[in-house]
C-alpha atoms as a PDB file:
ATOM      1  CA  MET A   1      95.266  90.852 167.505  1.00  0.00           C
ATOM      2  CA  LYS A   2      93.570  88.408 165.153  1.00  0.00           C
ATOM      3  CA  LEU A   3      95.297  88.100 161.803  1.00  0.00           C
ATOM      4  CA  ARG A   4      93.088  87.792 158.823  1.00  0.00           C
ATOM      5  CA  LYS A   5      93.765  84.615 156.909  1.00  0.00           C
ATOM      6  CA  GLN A   6      95.172  85.448 153.475  1.00  0.00           C
ATOM      7  CA  ARG A   7      93.681  83.828 150.429  1.00  0.00           C
ATOM      8  CA  PRO A   8      96.199  81.629 148.680  1.00  0.00           C
ATOM      9  CA  MET A   9      97.232  82.859 145.309  1.00  0.00           C
ATOM     10  CA  ARG A  10      95.886  80.830 142.480  1.00  0.00           C
ATOM     11  CA  ARG A  11      98.649  78.894 140.805  1.00  0.00           C
ATOM     12  CA  GLY A  12      98.717  79.178 137.041  1.00  0.00           C
ATOM     13  CA  ALA A  13     100.885  78.552 134.086  1.00  0.00           C
ATOM     14  CA  GLY A  14     100.937  79.820 130.543  1.00  0.00           C
ATOM     15  CA  ILE A  15     102.797  80.015 127.271  1.00  0.00           C
ATOM     16  CA  LEU A  16     104.513  82.936 125.588  1.00  0.00           C
ATOM     17  CA  LEU A  17     103.631  82.787 121.861  1.00  0.00           C
ATOM     18  CA  PRO A  18     103.932  85.936 119.704  1.00  0.00           C
ATOM     19  CA  VAL A  19     100.867  86.291 117.467  1.00  0.00           C
ATOM     20  CA  SER A  20     103.285  86.385 114.473  1.00  0.00           C
ATOM     21  CA  SER A  21     104.387  82.816 115.321  1.00  0.00           C
ATOM     22  CA  LEU A  22     100.987  81.280 114.968  1.00  0.00           C
ATOM     23  CA  PRO A  23     100.615  79.006 111.913  1.00  0.00           C
ATOM     24  CA  SER A  24      99.070  80.737 108.899  1.00  0.00           C
ATOM     25  CA  PRO A  25      98.772  80.270 105.144  1.00  0.00           C
ATOM     26  CA  TYR A  26      99.145  84.079 104.780  1.00  0.00           C
ATOM     27  CA  GLY A  27     102.804  84.711 105.656  1.00  0.00           C
ATOM     28  CA  ILE A  28     102.356  85.577 109.357  1.00  0.00           C
ATOM     29  CA  GLY A  29     100.255  84.522 112.343  1.00  0.00           C
ATOM     30  CA  THR A  30      96.989  86.485 112.664  1.00  0.00           C
ATOM     31  CA  PHE A  31      93.860  86.799 114.788  1.00  0.00           C
ATOM     32  CA  GLY A  32      92.277  84.055 112.701  1.00  0.00           C
ATOM     33  CA  ARG A  33      91.193  80.498 113.216  1.00  0.00           C
ATOM     34  CA  GLU A  34      94.597  79.382 114.361  1.00  0.00           C
ATOM     35  CA  ALA A  35      94.581  81.928 117.191  1.00  0.00           C
ATOM     36  CA  TYR A  36      91.266  80.554 118.454  1.00  0.00           C
ATOM     37  CA  GLU A  37      92.561  77.054 118.194  1.00  0.00           C
ATOM     38  CA  PHE A  38      95.553  78.015 120.329  1.00  0.00           C
ATOM     39  CA  VAL A  39      93.215  79.357 122.993  1.00  0.00           C
ATOM     40  CA  ASP A  40      91.415  75.949 122.901  1.00  0.00           C
ATOM     41  CA  PHE A  41      94.741  74.231 123.263  1.00  0.00           C
ATOM     42  CA  LEU A  42      95.661  76.323 126.281  1.00  0.00           C
ATOM     43  CA  LYS A  43      92.356  75.560 127.954  1.00  0.00           C
ATOM     44  CA  ALA A  44      92.633  71.784 127.243  1.00  0.00           C
ATOM     45  CA  ALA A  45      96.194  71.817 128.629  1.00  0.00           C
ATOM     46  CA  GLY A  46      95.115  73.400 131.903  1.00  0.00           C
ATOM     47  CA  GLN A  47      96.977  76.642 131.159  1.00  0.00           C
ATOM     48  CA  LYS A  48      95.770  80.025 132.422  1.00  0.00           C
ATOM     49  CA  TYR A  49      97.786  82.569 130.476  1.00  0.00           C
ATOM     50  CA  TRP A  50      98.729  83.483 126.941  1.00  0.00           C
ATOM     51  CA  GLN A  51     101.618  85.963 126.865  1.00  0.00           C
ATOM     52  CA  VAL A  52     102.167  87.984 123.678  1.00  0.00           C
ATOM     53  CA  LEU A  53     104.769  90.406 122.474  1.00  0.00           C
ATOM     54  CA  PRO A  54     103.845  94.054 121.767  1.00  0.00           C
ATOM     55  CA  LEU A  55     101.072  94.323 119.173  1.00  0.00           C
ATOM     56  CA  GLY A  56     102.002  97.748 117.760  1.00  0.00           C
ATOM     57  CA  PRO A  57     102.776  98.446 114.083  1.00  0.00           C
ATOM     58  CA  THR A  58     106.425  97.571 113.469  1.00  0.00           C
ATOM     59  CA  SER A  59     108.964  99.984 112.010  1.00  0.00           C
ATOM     60  CA  TYR A  60     111.972  99.158 109.893  1.00  0.00           C
ATOM     61  CA  GLY A  61     113.626  96.076 111.210  1.00  0.00           C
ATOM     62  CA  ASP A  62     110.208  94.649 112.117  1.00  0.00           C
ATOM     63  CA  SER A  63     110.885  94.474 115.839  1.00  0.00           C
ATOM     64  CA  PRO A  64     107.742  94.610 117.976  1.00  0.00           C
ATOM     65  CA  TYR A  65     109.722  96.857 120.340  1.00  0.00           C
ATOM     66  CA  GLN A  66     110.189  99.534 117.635  1.00  0.00           C
ATOM     67  CA  SER A  67     106.727 100.854 116.710  1.00  0.00           C
ATOM     68  CA  PHE A  68     105.267 103.702 114.806  1.00  0.00           C
ATOM     69  CA  SER A  69     102.733 104.271 117.637  1.00  0.00           C
ATOM     70  CA  ALA A  70     102.241 103.649 121.338  1.00  0.00           C
ATOM     71  CA  PHE A  71      98.513 103.068 120.662  1.00  0.00           C
ATOM     72  CA  ALA A  72      97.954 101.563 117.277  1.00  0.00           C
ATOM     73  CA  GLY A  73      97.827  97.904 116.394  1.00  0.00           C
ATOM     74  CA  ASN A  74      99.831  95.982 113.759  1.00  0.00           C
ATOM     75  CA  PRO A  75      97.721  95.543 110.569  1.00  0.00           C
ATOM     76  CA  TYR A  76      99.760  92.460 109.729  1.00  0.00           C
ATOM     77  CA  TYR A  77      97.704  90.527 112.363  1.00  0.00           C
ATOM     78  CA  ILE A  78      94.387  91.280 110.615  1.00  0.00           C
ATOM     79  CA  ASP A  79      92.857  87.966 109.571  1.00  0.00           C
ATOM     80  CA  LEU A  80      92.299  87.945 105.841  1.00  0.00           C
ATOM     81  CA  ASP A  81      89.646  85.204 105.982  1.00  0.00           C
ATOM     82  CA  ARG A  82      87.524  87.583 108.090  1.00  0.00           C
ATOM     83  CA  LEU A  83      87.835  90.171 105.344  1.00  0.00           C
ATOM     84  CA  ILE A  84      86.728  87.559 102.872  1.00  0.00           C
ATOM     85  CA  GLU A  85      83.753  86.636 105.022  1.00  0.00           C
ATOM     86  CA  LYS A  86      82.737  90.299 105.159  1.00  0.00           C
ATOM     87  CA  GLY A  87      82.892  90.542 101.393  1.00  0.00           C
ATOM     88  CA  LEU A  88      85.823  93.023 101.394  1.00  0.00           C
ATOM     89  CA  LEU A  89      88.166  90.630  99.616  1.00  0.00           C
ATOM     90  CA  THR A  90      87.771  87.527  97.496  1.00  0.00           C
ATOM     91  CA  ARG A  91      89.405  84.115  97.997  1.00  0.00           C
ATOM     92  CA  ARG A  92      91.006  84.539  94.599  1.00  0.00           C
ATOM     93  CA  GLN A  93      92.582  87.901  95.551  1.00  0.00           C
ATOM     94  CA  VAL A  94      94.121  86.463  98.683  1.00  0.00           C
ATOM     95  CA  GLY A  95      95.093  83.098  97.134  1.00  0.00           C
ATOM     96  CA  SER A  96      96.906  84.738  94.190  1.00  0.00           C
ATOM     97  CA  VAL A  97      99.667  86.082  96.478  1.00  0.00           C
ATOM     98  CA  ASP A  98     102.868  84.129  96.999  1.00  0.00           C
ATOM     99  CA  TRP A  99     103.296  84.384 100.754  1.00  0.00           C
ATOM    100  CA  GLY A 100     106.724  82.751 100.787  1.00  0.00           C
ATOM    101  CA  ASN A 101     108.041  80.073 103.135  1.00  0.00           C
ATOM    102  CA  ALA A 102     105.274  78.693 105.379  1.00  0.00           C
ATOM    103  CA  HIS A 103     107.692  78.469 108.327  1.00  0.00           C
ATOM    104  CA  GLU A 104     109.229  81.924 108.160  1.00  0.00           C
ATOM    105  CA  VAL A 105     107.951  85.450 108.030  1.00  0.00           C
ATOM    106  CA  ASP A 106     109.074  87.420 105.024  1.00  0.00           C
ATOM    107  CA  TYR A 107     108.334  91.019 106.042  1.00  0.00           C
ATOM    108  CA  GLY A 108     109.244  92.298 102.632  1.00  0.00           C
ATOM    109  CA  VAL A 109     106.523  90.256 101.072  1.00  0.00           C
ATOM    110  CA  LEU A 110     104.070  91.213 103.795  1.00  0.00           C
ATOM    111  CA  TYR A 111     104.731  94.941 103.336  1.00  0.00           C
ATOM    112  CA  GLN A 112     104.113  94.724  99.615  1.00  0.00           C
ATOM    113  CA  ALA A 113     101.198  92.313  99.550  1.00  0.00           C
ATOM    114  CA  ARG A 114      99.245  92.931 102.700  1.00  0.00           C
ATOM    115  CA  PHE A 115      98.671  96.615 102.211  1.00  0.00           C
ATOM    116  CA  LYS A 116      97.690  96.129  98.595  1.00  0.00           C
ATOM    117  CA  LEU A 117      94.939  93.815  99.839  1.00  0.00           C
ATOM    118  CA  PHE A 118      93.951  96.147 102.669  1.00  0.00           C
ATOM    119  CA  ARG A 119      93.536  98.944 100.150  1.00  0.00           C
ATOM    120  CA  LYS A 120      91.268  96.779  97.994  1.00  0.00           C
ATOM    121  CA  ALA A 121      89.234  95.935 101.125  1.00  0.00           C
ATOM    122  CA  PHE A 122      89.098  99.626 102.116  1.00  0.00           C
ATOM    123  CA  GLN A 123      87.621 100.467  98.762  1.00  0.00           C
ATOM    124  CA  LYS A 124      84.671  98.122  99.470  1.00  0.00           C
ATOM    125  CA  SER A 125      84.155  99.056 103.106  1.00  0.00           C
ATOM    126  CA  ALA A 126      82.501 102.449 102.781  1.00  0.00           C
ATOM    127  CA  HIS A 127      78.923 101.158 103.452  1.00  0.00           C
ATOM    128  CA  GLN A 128      79.769  98.345 105.868  1.00  0.00           C
ATOM    129  CA  GLU A 129      79.469  98.681 109.683  1.00  0.00           C
ATOM    130  CA  LYS A 130      79.390 102.430 109.310  1.00  0.00           C
ATOM    131  CA  ALA A 131      77.898 103.104 112.745  1.00  0.00           C
ATOM    132  CA  ALA A 132      80.436 100.855 114.464  1.00  0.00           C
ATOM    133  CA  TYR A 133      83.347 102.414 112.475  1.00  0.00           C
ATOM    134  CA  LEU A 134      82.244 105.943 113.389  1.00  0.00           C
ATOM    135  CA  GLN A 135      81.942 105.004 117.076  1.00  0.00           C
ATOM    136  CA  PHE A 136      85.414 103.480 117.033  1.00  0.00           C
ATOM    137  CA  CYS A 137      86.797 106.712 115.530  1.00  0.00           C
ATOM    138  CA  ILE A 138      85.160 108.708 118.267  1.00  0.00           C
ATOM    139  CA  GLU A 139      86.280 106.526 121.134  1.00  0.00           C
ATOM    140  CA  HIS A 140      89.921 106.479 119.862  1.00  0.00           C
ATOM    141  CA  GLU A 141      90.108 110.069 118.678  1.00  0.00           C
ATOM    142  CA  TYR A 142      92.811 110.909 121.247  1.00  0.00           C
ATOM    143  CA  TRP A 143      95.345 108.975 119.250  1.00  0.00           C
ATOM    144  CA  LEU A 144      93.691 107.719 115.988  1.00  0.00           C
ATOM    145  CA  ASN A 145      93.721 110.995 114.041  1.00  0.00           C
ATOM    146  CA  ASP A 146      97.374 111.716 114.888  1.00  0.00           C
ATOM    147  CA  TYR A 147      98.507 108.171 113.998  1.00  0.00           C
ATOM    148  CA  SER A 148      96.520 107.974 110.756  1.00  0.00           C
ATOM    149  CA  THR A 149      97.776 111.415 109.641  1.00  0.00           C
ATOM    150  CA  TYR A 150     101.338 110.459 110.462  1.00  0.00           C
ATOM    151  CA  MET A 151     101.071 107.220 108.420  1.00  0.00           C
ATOM    152  CA  ALA A 152      99.399 109.047 105.511  1.00  0.00           C
ATOM    153  CA  VAL A 153     102.115 111.751 105.466  1.00  0.00           C
ATOM    154  CA  LYS A 154     104.859 109.073 105.819  1.00  0.00           C
ATOM    155  CA  SER A 155     103.402 107.290 102.765  1.00  0.00           C
ATOM    156  CA  CYS A 156     103.309 110.526 100.882  1.00  0.00           C
ATOM    157  CA  PHE A 157     107.088 111.084 101.505  1.00  0.00           C
ATOM    158  CA  GLY A 158     108.032 107.556 100.475  1.00  0.00           C
ATOM    159  CA  GLY A 159     108.258 106.159 104.044  1.00  0.00           C
ATOM    160  CA  GLU A 160     110.850 108.641 105.186  1.00  0.00           C
ATOM    161  CA  GLU A 161     111.323 109.251 108.927  1.00  0.00           C
ATOM    162  CA  TRP A 162     109.457 112.384 110.024  1.00  0.00           C
ATOM    163  CA  ILE A 163     112.805 114.067 110.900  1.00  0.00           C
ATOM    164  CA  ARG A 164     113.521 114.100 107.104  1.00  0.00           C
ATOM    165  CA  TRP A 165     110.199 115.582 106.090  1.00  0.00           C
ATOM    166  CA  PRO A 166     109.958 119.277 104.886  1.00  0.00           C
ATOM    167  CA  GLU A 167     110.509 121.600 107.824  1.00  0.00           C
ATOM    168  CA  ASN A 168     106.983 123.031 107.815  1.00  0.00           C
ATOM    169  CA  ILE A 169     105.528 119.513 108.026  1.00  0.00           C
ATOM    170  CA  ARG A 170     108.215 118.263 110.390  1.00  0.00           C
ATOM    171  CA  PHE A 171     107.461 120.937 112.949  1.00  0.00           C
ATOM    172  CA  ARG A 172     103.771 120.921 112.263  1.00  0.00           C
ATOM    173  CA  ASP A 173     103.105 124.389 110.930  1.00  0.00           C
ATOM    174  CA  PRO A 174      99.286 124.731 111.255  1.00  0.00           C
ATOM    175  CA  ALA A 175      98.792 125.913 107.658  1.00  0.00           C
ATOM    176  CA  ALA A 176     101.006 123.289 106.251  1.00  0.00           C
ATOM    177  CA  ILE A 177      99.309 120.533 108.208  1.00  0.00           C
ATOM    178  CA  GLU A 178      95.901 121.711 107.218  1.00  0.00           C
ATOM    179  CA  LYS A 179      96.886 121.772 103.538  1.00  0.00           C
ATOM    180  CA  ILE A 180      98.429 118.292 103.472  1.00  0.00           C
ATOM    181  CA  THR A 181      95.758 116.591 105.576  1.00  0.00           C
ATOM    182  CA  GLY A 182      93.098 117.983 103.202  1.00  0.00           C
ATOM    183  CA  ARG A 183      95.032 116.451 100.256  1.00  0.00           C
ATOM    184  CA  LEU A 184      95.539 113.176 102.002  1.00  0.00           C
ATOM    185  CA  GLN A 185      92.097 112.652 103.501  1.00  0.00           C
ATOM    186  CA  ALA A 186      91.366 109.372 101.709  1.00  0.00           C
ATOM    187  CA  GLU A 187      94.789 108.010 102.816  1.00  0.00           C
ATOM    188  CA  ILE A 188      94.088 109.089 106.396  1.00  0.00           C
ATOM    189  CA  GLU A 189      90.810 107.219 106.262  1.00  0.00           C
ATOM    190  CA  PHE A 190      92.560 104.123 105.027  1.00  0.00           C
ATOM    191  CA  TRP A 191      94.774 103.973 108.078  1.00  0.00           C
ATOM    192  CA  LYS A 192      91.808 104.406 110.311  1.00  0.00           C
ATOM    193  CA  PHE A 193      90.131 101.498 108.554  1.00  0.00           C
ATOM    194  CA  CYS A 194      93.130  99.319 109.227  1.00  0.00           C
ATOM    195  CA  GLN A 195      92.966 100.163 112.906  1.00  0.00           C
ATOM    196  CA  TYR A 196      89.211  99.475 113.066  1.00  0.00           C
ATOM    197  CA  GLU A 197      89.683  96.010 111.626  1.00  0.00           C
ATOM    198  CA  PHE A 198      92.657  95.308 113.866  1.00  0.00           C
ATOM    199  CA  PHE A 199      90.865  96.271 117.092  1.00  0.00           C
ATOM    200  CA  THR A 200      87.607  94.623 116.138  1.00  0.00           C
ATOM    201  CA  GLN A 201      89.342  91.284 115.583  1.00  0.00           C
ATOM    202  CA  TRP A 202      91.726  91.578 118.592  1.00  0.00           C
ATOM    203  CA  LEU A 203      88.966  92.398 121.091  1.00  0.00           C
ATOM    204  CA  GLU A 204      86.860  89.465 119.790  1.00  0.00           C
ATOM    205  CA  LEU A 205      89.789  87.141 120.214  1.00  0.00           C
ATOM    206  CA  LYS A 206      90.549  88.490 123.720  1.00  0.00           C
ATOM    207  CA  ALA A 207      86.880  88.051 124.708  1.00  0.00           C
ATOM    208  CA  TYR A 208      86.979  84.435 123.514  1.00  0.00           C
ATOM    209  CA  ALA A 209      90.139  83.776 125.498  1.00  0.00           C
ATOM    210  CA  ASN A 210      88.756  85.297 128.652  1.00  0.00           C
ATOM    211  CA  LYS A 211      85.485  83.440 128.303  1.00  0.00           C
ATOM    212  CA  ASN A 212      87.514  80.241 128.214  1.00  0.00           C
ATOM    213  CA  GLY A 213      89.508  81.101 131.323  1.00  0.00           C
ATOM    214  CA  ILE A 214      92.626  82.305 129.484  1.00  0.00           C
ATOM    215  CA  GLU A 215      94.085  85.671 130.471  1.00  0.00           C
ATOM    216  CA  ILE A 216      96.278  87.708 128.126  1.00  0.00           C
ATOM    217  CA  ILE A 217      99.580  88.963 129.361  1.00  0.00           C
ATOM    218  CA  GLY A 218     100.623  91.870 127.190  1.00  0.00           C
ATOM    219  CA  ASP A 219     103.864  93.678 126.634  1.00  0.00           C
ATOM    220  CA  ILE A 220     104.905  97.182 125.480  1.00  0.00           C
ATOM    221  CA  PRO A 221     108.228  98.759 124.376  1.00  0.00           C
ATOM    222  CA  ILE A 222     110.168 100.525 127.138  1.00  0.00           C
ATOM    223  CA  TYR A 223     110.213 103.794 125.150  1.00  0.00           C
ATOM    224  CA  VAL A 224     108.329 105.229 122.251  1.00  0.00           C
ATOM    225  CA  ALA A 225     110.326 105.227 119.012  1.00  0.00           C
ATOM    226  CA  LEU A 226     111.829 108.397 117.512  1.00  0.00           C
ATOM    227  CA  ASP A 227     110.162 107.623 114.204  1.00  0.00           C
ATOM    228  CA  SER A 228     106.629 107.526 115.617  1.00  0.00           C
ATOM    229  CA  ALA A 229     103.431 109.433 115.518  1.00  0.00           C
ATOM    230  CA  ASP A 230     103.808 110.147 119.265  1.00  0.00           C
ATOM    231  CA  VAL A 231     107.167 111.914 118.889  1.00  0.00           C
ATOM    232  CA  TRP A 232     106.147 113.744 115.728  1.00  0.00           C
ATOM    233  CA  VAL A 233     102.972 115.153 117.289  1.00  0.00           C
ATOM    234  CA  TYR A 234     104.445 115.845 120.762  1.00  0.00           C
ATOM    235  CA  HIS A 235     108.072 116.432 119.857  1.00  0.00           C
ATOM    236  CA  ARG A 236     108.273 119.351 122.330  1.00  0.00           C
ATOM    237  CA  LEU A 237     107.812 116.857 125.188  1.00  0.00           C
ATOM    238  CA  PHE A 238     111.024 114.982 124.136  1.00  0.00           C
ATOM    239  CA  ASP A 239     114.649 115.920 124.589  1.00  0.00           C
ATOM    240  CA  LEU A 240     115.613 116.131 120.918  1.00  0.00           C
ATOM    241  CA  ASP A 241     118.616 117.975 119.547  1.00  0.00           C
ATOM    242  CA  GLU A 242     118.464 120.549 116.681  1.00  0.00           C
ATOM    243  CA  ASN A 243     118.527 117.845 114.083  1.00  0.00           C
END
């Protein structure tokens, strides 16, 4: 029997660098210029891989392994300069924020400041990239509506975990859900907008990395979080007690 000669595995090395650890003037690393420069650095250094931590939206405690969604992306990583280039924000609006220590991430500052800016950007976004936005919503409908509704309702109840929401909302009574989603439609659209900007920027960065011979090694949490859109929507699939 003639054995087929196996192709040797390509040797390669890489660097684990969380997106949040990239340098940035805006409080946390993003998909902005510094991310592209890091790809250029990896290429010049003969590296083949960029390993990142989970990219999902972080919950209280700000761990990338504790996320509000198994599908959504973390809006903190949206590059503000790109929003300025698109005319959704001004340099003055972004520059007026005190982002804290340049060498540390202050998640309290981010939570307060970033979403205020994103809401201003959202107000200007209605007539921009409408076709691309609608296509994104269609392609990601299987998770986007649930996640955006969850975040809108969470905001409505002051950020409380879903297990502390009113019972008819907690257990998704159809009439109650229809009523509250109708009232929160603009807020639901805001969270969809954040995801559109996140994935637009992330996929462009990933394409740039791949074009330059750099592959992305991703990561995900081992389990979905209790306080997440996934468990709220599909709570009957999880082994939860009466509380």
